[in-house]
């Protein structure tokens, strides 16, 4: 079982130290602290740098509160769970609205922390199981790609993306392979499983399982093996729904 990668964002050093100490004491084999930040601005940078599974986030911080920091992060980038930390008990509703998985009042109580971490582990395990089911379903599926020399049989899981090239389609496959198929992108769109493949623009279809990152400022998807593709604004809303349906996200 892999460790939960966590960051602590809290303006009080004593509070950060206490959170780290309790995690080390009760979850040494289950939680790894990969970074700390003392305010919301640095905390946001830390999240984008470390890509944690879990964020321990103080509500009240100078310059930018924890709630304000979360509001600056697009929903598509919130691939982490949040546990709010605060010395006050009047932020519960806002914490729930912000999508926090739990809300802990400082100083942390052992049992409450254990229950919160157990909830996070449950959600992470459910996500892995769901993705495993999707991958297993596609592992035995094969596609015949017709080309000038005959045809090639490939597993759906090998397809990273497809790109239109006139009346032909370029298949970009794992291990840096490429096949030029003698059929149009529309032909393949009609036969590919819509739960696994999504048309992000007029000229491209991507395998949802090969998406690694989305950059909203560039409107660009980063895929396996360093492939990049632009996503059309007109396709964004539907694409966002497809991603939400193929992953487990605490902010749903």
C-alpha atoms as a PDB file:
ATOM      1  CA  UNK A   1       0.000   0.000   0.000  1.00  0.00           C
ATOM      2  CA  UNK A   2       1.545   3.310  -1.103  1.00  0.00           C
ATOM      3  CA  UNK A   3       1.880   6.169   1.346  1.00  0.00           C
ATOM      4  CA  UNK A   4      -0.458   9.162   1.281  1.00  0.00           C
ATOM      5  CA  UNK A   5       1.613  12.147   0.090  1.00  0.00           C
ATOM      6  CA  UNK A   6       0.657  15.140   2.232  1.00  0.00           C
ATOM      7  CA  UNK A   7       1.549  18.828   2.606  1.00  0.00           C
ATOM      8  CA  UNK A   8       0.908  21.112   5.573  1.00  0.00           C
ATOM      9  CA  UNK A   9      -0.087  24.741   4.943  1.00  0.00           C
ATOM     10  CA  UNK A  10      -0.266  26.682   8.206  1.00  0.00           C
ATOM     11  CA  UNK A  11       1.122  30.079   9.243  1.00  0.00           C
ATOM     12  CA  UNK A  12       1.935  28.882  12.777  1.00  0.00           C
ATOM     13  CA  UNK A  13       5.180  26.902  13.016  1.00  0.00           C
ATOM     14  CA  UNK A  14       4.147  25.282  16.321  1.00  0.00           C
ATOM     15  CA  UNK A  15       0.959  24.047  14.667  1.00  0.00           C
ATOM     16  CA  UNK A  16       2.873  22.672  11.656  1.00  0.00           C
ATOM     17  CA  UNK A  17       5.293  20.934  13.987  1.00  0.00           C
ATOM     18  CA  UNK A  18       2.450  19.427  16.018  1.00  0.00           C
ATOM     19  CA  UNK A  19       0.649  18.162  12.906  1.00  0.00           C
ATOM     20  CA  UNK A  20       3.872  16.610  11.590  1.00  0.00           C
ATOM     21  CA  UNK A  21       4.600  15.053  14.998  1.00  0.00           C
ATOM     22  CA  UNK A  22       1.163  13.450  15.305  1.00  0.00           C
ATOM     23  CA  UNK A  23       1.307  12.109  11.752  1.00  0.00           C
ATOM     24  CA  UNK A  24       4.757  10.686  12.422  1.00  0.00           C
ATOM     25  CA  UNK A  25       3.561   9.096  15.652  1.00  0.00           C
ATOM     26  CA  UNK A  26       0.346   7.507  14.424  1.00  0.00           C
ATOM     27  CA  UNK A  27       0.804   7.242  10.640  1.00  0.00           C
ATOM     28  CA  UNK A  28       4.538   6.803  10.037  1.00  0.00           C
ATOM     29  CA  UNK A  29       3.960   3.925   7.592  1.00  0.00           C
ATOM     30  CA  UNK A  30       0.911   5.458   5.916  1.00  0.00           C
ATOM     31  CA  UNK A  31       1.516   9.212   5.460  1.00  0.00           C
ATOM     32  CA  UNK A  32       4.555  11.003   4.016  1.00  0.00           C
ATOM     33  CA  UNK A  33       4.930  14.766   4.524  1.00  0.00           C
ATOM     34  CA  UNK A  34       6.393  16.041   1.242  1.00  0.00           C
ATOM     35  CA  UNK A  35       6.332  19.760   2.012  1.00  0.00           C
ATOM     36  CA  UNK A  36       5.222  22.631   4.254  1.00  0.00           C
ATOM     37  CA  UNK A  37       4.208  26.239   3.631  1.00  0.00           C
ATOM     38  CA  UNK A  38       3.534  29.187   5.937  1.00  0.00           C
ATOM     39  CA  UNK A  39       0.866  31.009   3.912  1.00  0.00           C
ATOM     40  CA  UNK A  40      -1.687  30.550   1.154  1.00  0.00           C
ATOM     41  CA  UNK A  41       0.485  31.975  -1.628  1.00  0.00           C
ATOM     42  CA  UNK A  42       3.391  29.633  -0.933  1.00  0.00           C
ATOM     43  CA  UNK A  43       0.902  26.856  -0.213  1.00  0.00           C
ATOM     44  CA  UNK A  44      -0.595  27.093  -3.691  1.00  0.00           C
ATOM     45  CA  UNK A  45       2.898  26.961  -5.218  1.00  0.00           C
ATOM     46  CA  UNK A  46       3.678  23.920  -3.071  1.00  0.00           C
ATOM     47  CA  UNK A  47       0.551  22.103  -4.246  1.00  0.00           C
ATOM     48  CA  UNK A  48       1.453  22.611  -7.902  1.00  0.00           C
ATOM     49  CA  UNK A  49       5.047  21.566  -7.235  1.00  0.00           C
ATOM     50  CA  UNK A  50       4.417  18.431  -5.153  1.00  0.00           C
ATOM     51  CA  UNK A  51       1.000  17.242  -6.439  1.00  0.00           C
ATOM     52  CA  UNK A  52      -0.014  15.851  -3.022  1.00  0.00           C
ATOM     53  CA  UNK A  53      -2.821  13.406  -2.256  1.00  0.00           C
ATOM     54  CA  UNK A  54      -3.760  15.311   0.902  1.00  0.00           C
ATOM     55  CA  UNK A  55      -3.536  18.947   2.042  1.00  0.00           C
ATOM     56  CA  UNK A  56      -3.690  19.938   5.710  1.00  0.00           C
ATOM     57  CA  UNK A  57      -4.864  23.522   5.388  1.00  0.00           C
ATOM     58  CA  UNK A  58      -5.172  26.217   8.045  1.00  0.00           C
ATOM     59  CA  UNK A  59      -8.265  28.370   7.574  1.00  0.00           C
ATOM     60  CA  UNK A  60      -6.977  31.629   9.100  1.00  0.00           C
ATOM     61  CA  UNK A  61      -3.714  32.849   7.539  1.00  0.00           C
ATOM     62  CA  UNK A  62      -2.404  36.347   6.721  1.00  0.00           C
ATOM     63  CA  UNK A  63      -2.538  37.675   3.140  1.00  0.00           C
ATOM     64  CA  UNK A  64      -4.602  34.742   1.866  1.00  0.00           C
ATOM     65  CA  UNK A  65      -6.804  32.437   3.945  1.00  0.00           C
ATOM     66  CA  UNK A  66      -7.084  28.723   3.293  1.00  0.00           C
ATOM     67  CA  UNK A  67     -10.565  29.151   1.818  1.00  0.00           C
ATOM     68  CA  UNK A  68      -9.372  31.974  -0.462  1.00  0.00           C
ATOM     69  CA  UNK A  69      -6.423  29.875  -1.614  1.00  0.00           C
ATOM     70  CA  UNK A  70      -8.701  26.990  -2.613  1.00  0.00           C
ATOM     71  CA  UNK A  71     -10.901  29.384  -4.582  1.00  0.00           C
ATOM     72  CA  UNK A  72      -7.898  30.364  -6.737  1.00  0.00           C
ATOM     73  CA  UNK A  73      -7.277  26.745  -7.794  1.00  0.00           C
ATOM     74  CA  UNK A  74      -9.397  25.524 -10.757  1.00  0.00           C
ATOM     75  CA  UNK A  75     -11.612  22.515 -10.069  1.00  0.00           C
ATOM     76  CA  UNK A  76      -9.703  20.535 -12.704  1.00  0.00           C
ATOM     77  CA  UNK A  77      -6.497  20.973 -10.651  1.00  0.00           C
ATOM     78  CA  UNK A  78      -7.970  19.909  -7.306  1.00  0.00           C
ATOM     79  CA  UNK A  79      -6.714  16.340  -7.455  1.00  0.00           C
ATOM     80  CA  UNK A  80      -6.195  16.223  -3.711  1.00  0.00           C
ATOM     81  CA  UNK A  81      -8.183  15.874  -0.501  1.00  0.00           C
ATOM     82  CA  UNK A  82      -8.384  18.691   2.053  1.00  0.00           C
ATOM     83  CA  UNK A  83      -8.446  18.543   5.840  1.00  0.00           C
ATOM     84  CA  UNK A  84      -8.978  21.993   7.333  1.00  0.00           C
ATOM     85  CA  UNK A  85      -7.132  22.957  10.520  1.00  0.00           C
ATOM     86  CA  UNK A  86      -8.227  25.898  12.678  1.00  0.00           C
ATOM     87  CA  UNK A  87      -8.304  27.180  16.232  1.00  0.00           C
ATOM     88  CA  UNK A  88     -11.924  28.223  15.733  1.00  0.00           C
ATOM     89  CA  UNK A  89     -15.087  26.217  15.277  1.00  0.00           C
ATOM     90  CA  UNK A  90     -17.231  28.612  13.237  1.00  0.00           C
ATOM     91  CA  UNK A  91     -16.024  27.710   9.746  1.00  0.00           C
ATOM     92  CA  UNK A  92     -17.702  24.325   9.395  1.00  0.00           C
ATOM     93  CA  UNK A  93     -20.231  25.296   6.727  1.00  0.00           C
ATOM     94  CA  UNK A  94     -17.636  27.098   4.626  1.00  0.00           C
ATOM     95  CA  UNK A  95     -15.297  24.134   4.949  1.00  0.00           C
ATOM     96  CA  UNK A  96     -17.985  21.778   3.719  1.00  0.00           C
ATOM     97  CA  UNK A  97     -18.822  24.079   0.807  1.00  0.00           C
ATOM     98  CA  UNK A  98     -15.118  24.222  -0.092  1.00  0.00           C
ATOM     99  CA  UNK A  99     -15.059  20.446  -0.465  1.00  0.00           C
ATOM    100  CA  UNK A 100     -13.014  19.568   2.623  1.00  0.00           C
ATOM    101  CA  UNK A 101     -13.031  15.907   3.556  1.00  0.00           C
ATOM    102  CA  UNK A 102     -12.832  16.843   7.236  1.00  0.00           C
ATOM    103  CA  UNK A 103     -12.508  19.757   9.651  1.00  0.00           C
ATOM    104  CA  UNK A 104     -10.219  19.522  12.702  1.00  0.00           C
ATOM    105  CA  UNK A 105      -9.981  22.045  15.527  1.00  0.00           C
ATOM    106  CA  UNK A 106      -6.489  22.764  16.884  1.00  0.00           C
ATOM    107  CA  UNK A 107      -4.858  21.433  18.954  1.00  0.00           C
ATOM    108  CA  UNK A 108      -5.488  18.181  17.115  1.00  0.00           C
ATOM    109  CA  UNK A 109      -7.182  15.341  18.917  1.00  0.00           C
ATOM    110  CA  UNK A 110      -5.785  11.864  18.282  1.00  0.00           C
ATOM    111  CA  UNK A 111      -9.065  10.105  17.521  1.00  0.00           C
ATOM    112  CA  UNK A 112     -10.326  12.864  15.213  1.00  0.00           C
ATOM    113  CA  UNK A 113      -7.075  12.828  13.247  1.00  0.00           C
ATOM    114  CA  UNK A 114      -7.160   9.032  12.941  1.00  0.00           C
ATOM    115  CA  UNK A 115     -10.746   9.118  11.688  1.00  0.00           C
ATOM    116  CA  UNK A 116      -9.889  11.825   9.131  1.00  0.00           C
ATOM    117  CA  UNK A 117      -6.865   9.947   7.767  1.00  0.00           C
ATOM    118  CA  UNK A 118      -8.878   6.738   7.574  1.00  0.00           C
ATOM    119  CA  UNK A 119     -11.486   8.549   5.481  1.00  0.00           C
ATOM    120  CA  UNK A 120      -8.810   9.805   3.109  1.00  0.00           C
ATOM    121  CA  UNK A 121      -7.345   6.301   2.780  1.00  0.00           C
ATOM    122  CA  UNK A 122     -10.818   4.937   2.016  1.00  0.00           C
ATOM    123  CA  UNK A 123     -11.370   7.455  -0.798  1.00  0.00           C
ATOM    124  CA  UNK A 124      -7.900   6.825  -2.259  1.00  0.00           C
ATOM    125  CA  UNK A 125      -8.413   3.050  -2.221  1.00  0.00           C
ATOM    126  CA  UNK A 126     -11.823   3.456  -3.906  1.00  0.00           C
ATOM    127  CA  UNK A 127     -10.252   5.598  -6.626  1.00  0.00           C
ATOM    128  CA  UNK A 128      -7.517   3.041  -7.287  1.00  0.00           C
ATOM    129  CA  UNK A 129     -10.055   0.212  -7.409  1.00  0.00           C
ATOM    130  CA  UNK A 130     -12.224   2.135  -9.862  1.00  0.00           C
ATOM    131  CA  UNK A 131      -9.294   2.910 -12.147  1.00  0.00           C
ATOM    132  CA  UNK A 132      -8.151  -0.715 -11.928  1.00  0.00           C
ATOM    133  CA  UNK A 133     -11.588  -1.873 -13.093  1.00  0.00           C
ATOM    134  CA  UNK A 134     -11.470   0.534 -16.049  1.00  0.00           C
ATOM    135  CA  UNK A 135      -7.976  -0.587 -16.998  1.00  0.00           C
ATOM    136  CA  UNK A 136      -8.905  -4.267 -16.690  1.00  0.00           C
ATOM    137  CA  UNK A 137     -11.928  -3.773 -18.917  1.00  0.00           C
ATOM    138  CA  UNK A 138      -9.795  -2.205 -21.604  1.00  0.00           C
ATOM    139  CA  UNK A 139      -6.807  -4.540 -21.221  1.00  0.00           C
ATOM    140  CA  UNK A 140      -8.363  -7.312 -23.294  1.00  0.00           C
ATOM    141  CA  UNK A 141      -9.845  -5.017 -25.943  1.00  0.00           C
ATOM    142  CA  UNK A 142      -8.062  -4.788 -29.308  1.00  0.00           C
ATOM    143  CA  UNK A 143      -8.476  -2.527 -32.287  1.00  0.00           C
ATOM    144  CA  UNK A 144      -7.674  -3.320 -35.923  1.00  0.00           C
ATOM    145  CA  UNK A 145      -5.920  -0.396 -37.605  1.00  0.00           C
ATOM    146  CA  UNK A 146      -5.920  -0.618 -41.404  1.00  0.00           C
ATOM    147  CA  UNK A 147      -2.971   0.965 -43.210  1.00  0.00           C
ATOM    148  CA  UNK A 148      -1.177   0.857 -46.590  1.00  0.00           C
ATOM    149  CA  UNK A 149       0.621  -2.409 -45.812  1.00  0.00           C
ATOM    150  CA  UNK A 150      -2.311  -4.278 -44.256  1.00  0.00           C
ATOM    151  CA  UNK A 151      -3.432  -3.902 -40.645  1.00  0.00           C
ATOM    152  CA  UNK A 152      -2.108  -3.819 -37.092  1.00  0.00           C
ATOM    153  CA  UNK A 153      -3.856  -5.136 -33.967  1.00  0.00           C
ATOM    154  CA  UNK A 154      -3.340  -3.068 -30.817  1.00  0.00           C
ATOM    155  CA  UNK A 155      -4.760  -2.928 -27.313  1.00  0.00           C
ATOM    156  CA  UNK A 156      -6.877   0.114 -26.492  1.00  0.00           C
ATOM    157  CA  UNK A 157      -4.576   0.723 -23.508  1.00  0.00           C
ATOM    158  CA  UNK A 158      -1.677   1.317 -25.947  1.00  0.00           C
ATOM    159  CA  UNK A 159      -3.390   4.286 -27.616  1.00  0.00           C
ATOM    160  CA  UNK A 160      -2.326   7.648 -26.199  1.00  0.00           C
ATOM    161  CA  UNK A 161      -4.052   9.862 -28.751  1.00  0.00           C
ATOM    162  CA  UNK A 162      -5.353  10.050 -32.332  1.00  0.00           C
ATOM    163  CA  UNK A 163      -4.912  13.037 -34.620  1.00  0.00           C
ATOM    164  CA  UNK A 164      -6.611  13.787 -37.933  1.00  0.00           C
ATOM    165  CA  UNK A 165      -4.476  14.085 -41.051  1.00  0.00           C
ATOM    166  CA  UNK A 166      -6.830  14.719 -43.959  1.00  0.00           C
ATOM    167  CA  UNK A 167      -8.532  11.416 -44.801  1.00  0.00           C
ATOM    168  CA  UNK A 168      -6.021   9.591 -42.619  1.00  0.00           C
ATOM    169  CA  UNK A 169      -5.547   9.296 -38.844  1.00  0.00           C
ATOM    170  CA  UNK A 170      -2.264   9.327 -36.954  1.00  0.00           C
ATOM    171  CA  UNK A 171      -2.223   6.927 -33.988  1.00  0.00           C
ATOM    172  CA  UNK A 172       0.268   7.832 -31.263  1.00  0.00           C
ATOM    173  CA  UNK A 173       0.974   4.708 -29.228  1.00  0.00           C
ATOM    174  CA  UNK A 174       2.999   3.801 -26.144  1.00  0.00           C
ATOM    175  CA  UNK A 175       6.759   3.240 -26.500  1.00  0.00           C
ATOM    176  CA  UNK A 176       6.931   6.167 -28.947  1.00  0.00           C
ATOM    177  CA  UNK A 177       5.203   4.294 -31.771  1.00  0.00           C
ATOM    178  CA  UNK A 178       3.124   5.888 -34.503  1.00  0.00           C
ATOM    179  CA  UNK A 179       0.797   4.341 -37.080  1.00  0.00           C
ATOM    180  CA  UNK A 180      -0.867   6.172 -39.987  1.00  0.00           C
ATOM    181  CA  UNK A 181      -4.307   4.625 -40.454  1.00  0.00           C
ATOM    182  CA  UNK A 182      -6.213   4.804 -43.738  1.00  0.00           C
ATOM    183  CA  UNK A 183      -9.509   5.906 -42.163  1.00  0.00           C
ATOM    184  CA  UNK A 184     -10.760   9.248 -40.887  1.00  0.00           C
ATOM    185  CA  UNK A 185     -10.816  10.397 -37.280  1.00  0.00           C
ATOM    186  CA  UNK A 186     -14.616  10.421 -37.411  1.00  0.00           C
ATOM    187  CA  UNK A 187     -14.617   6.714 -38.308  1.00  0.00           C
ATOM    188  CA  UNK A 188     -12.654   5.921 -35.174  1.00  0.00           C
ATOM    189  CA  UNK A 189     -14.689   8.283 -33.016  1.00  0.00           C
ATOM    190  CA  UNK A 190     -17.781   6.253 -33.899  1.00  0.00           C
ATOM    191  CA  UNK A 191     -16.290   2.937 -32.737  1.00  0.00           C
ATOM    192  CA  UNK A 192     -14.086   3.876 -29.774  1.00  0.00           C
ATOM    193  CA  UNK A 193     -15.453   3.490 -26.234  1.00  0.00           C
ATOM    194  CA  UNK A 194     -16.650   6.946 -25.127  1.00  0.00           C
ATOM    195  CA  UNK A 195     -15.821   6.035 -21.519  1.00  0.00           C
ATOM    196  CA  UNK A 196     -12.143   5.742 -22.444  1.00  0.00           C
ATOM    197  CA  UNK A 197     -11.700   8.139 -25.363  1.00  0.00           C
ATOM    198  CA  UNK A 198     -12.723  11.770 -25.730  1.00  0.00           C
ATOM    199  CA  UNK A 199     -12.619  14.109 -28.732  1.00  0.00           C
ATOM    200  CA  UNK A 200     -10.936  17.251 -27.395  1.00  0.00           C
ATOM    201  CA  UNK A 201     -11.070  19.176 -30.685  1.00  0.00           C
ATOM    202  CA  UNK A 202     -11.983  18.803 -34.362  1.00  0.00           C
ATOM    203  CA  UNK A 203      -8.635  17.165 -35.001  1.00  0.00           C
ATOM    204  CA  UNK A 204      -7.834  15.050 -31.932  1.00  0.00           C
ATOM    205  CA  UNK A 205      -9.089  12.276 -29.644  1.00  0.00           C
ATOM    206  CA  UNK A 206      -7.298  11.368 -26.403  1.00  0.00           C
ATOM    207  CA  UNK A 207      -7.271   8.311 -24.153  1.00  0.00           C
ATOM    208  CA  UNK A 208      -8.495   9.541 -20.748  1.00  0.00           C
ATOM    209  CA  UNK A 209      -6.225   7.045 -18.982  1.00  0.00           C
ATOM    210  CA  UNK A 210      -3.148   8.689 -20.509  1.00  0.00           C
ATOM    211  CA  UNK A 211      -3.917  12.239 -19.318  1.00  0.00           C
ATOM    212  CA  UNK A 212      -1.332  13.454 -16.824  1.00  0.00           C
ATOM    213  CA  UNK A 213      -2.050  17.171 -16.429  1.00  0.00           C
ATOM    214  CA  UNK A 214      -4.172  20.068 -17.665  1.00  0.00           C
ATOM    215  CA  UNK A 215      -2.843  23.622 -17.951  1.00  0.00           C
ATOM    216  CA  UNK A 216      -5.786  26.029 -17.954  1.00  0.00           C
ATOM    217  CA  UNK A 217      -3.781  29.107 -18.998  1.00  0.00           C
ATOM    218  CA  UNK A 218      -2.486  27.286 -22.071  1.00  0.00           C
ATOM    219  CA  UNK A 219      -5.653  25.211 -22.607  1.00  0.00           C
ATOM    220  CA  UNK A 220      -3.312  22.277 -23.067  1.00  0.00           C
ATOM    221  CA  UNK A 221      -3.464  18.626 -22.014  1.00  0.00           C
ATOM    222  CA  UNK A 222      -0.248  16.844 -21.122  1.00  0.00           C
ATOM    223  CA  UNK A 223      -0.342  13.133 -21.921  1.00  0.00           C
ATOM    224  CA  UNK A 224       1.914  10.108 -21.506  1.00  0.00           C
ATOM    225  CA  UNK A 225       5.338  10.123 -23.164  1.00  0.00           C
ATOM    226  CA  UNK A 226       5.459  13.936 -23.398  1.00  0.00           C
ATOM    227  CA  UNK A 227       2.565  14.312 -25.843  1.00  0.00           C
ATOM    228  CA  UNK A 228       0.681  17.621 -25.694  1.00  0.00           C
ATOM    229  CA  UNK A 229      -2.645  18.576 -27.248  1.00  0.00           C
ATOM    230  CA  UNK A 230      -4.816  21.704 -27.268  1.00  0.00           C
ATOM    231  CA  UNK A 231      -8.380  21.322 -26.007  1.00  0.00           C
ATOM    232  CA  UNK A 232     -11.099  23.359 -27.680  1.00  0.00           C
ATOM    233  CA  UNK A 233     -13.051  25.799 -25.492  1.00  0.00           C
ATOM    234  CA  UNK A 234     -16.287  24.417 -26.906  1.00  0.00           C
ATOM    235  CA  UNK A 235     -15.325  20.942 -25.644  1.00  0.00           C
ATOM    236  CA  UNK A 236     -14.157  21.958 -22.179  1.00  0.00           C
ATOM    237  CA  UNK A 237     -17.417  21.545 -20.253  1.00  0.00           C
ATOM    238  CA  UNK A 238     -18.117  18.084 -21.668  1.00  0.00           C
ATOM    239  CA  UNK A 239     -14.485  17.093 -21.181  1.00  0.00           C
ATOM    240  CA  UNK A 240     -14.617  18.189 -17.542  1.00  0.00           C
ATOM    241  CA  UNK A 241     -17.649  15.953 -17.005  1.00  0.00           C
ATOM    242  CA  UNK A 242     -15.854  13.019 -18.656  1.00  0.00           C
ATOM    243  CA  UNK A 243     -12.877  13.460 -16.330  1.00  0.00           C
ATOM    244  CA  UNK A 244     -15.112  13.688 -13.276  1.00  0.00           C
ATOM    245  CA  UNK A 245     -16.907  10.487 -14.293  1.00  0.00           C
ATOM    246  CA  UNK A 246     -13.652   8.584 -14.817  1.00  0.00           C
ATOM    247  CA  UNK A 247     -11.999   9.593 -11.541  1.00  0.00           C
ATOM    248  CA  UNK A 248     -12.862   9.875  -7.863  1.00  0.00           C
ATOM    249  CA  UNK A 249     -12.707  13.522  -6.827  1.00  0.00           C
ATOM    250  CA  UNK A 250     -13.491  14.792  -3.282  1.00  0.00           C
ATOM    251  CA  UNK A 251     -14.846  18.043  -4.769  1.00  0.00           C
ATOM    252  CA  UNK A 252     -17.695  16.415  -6.731  1.00  0.00           C
END
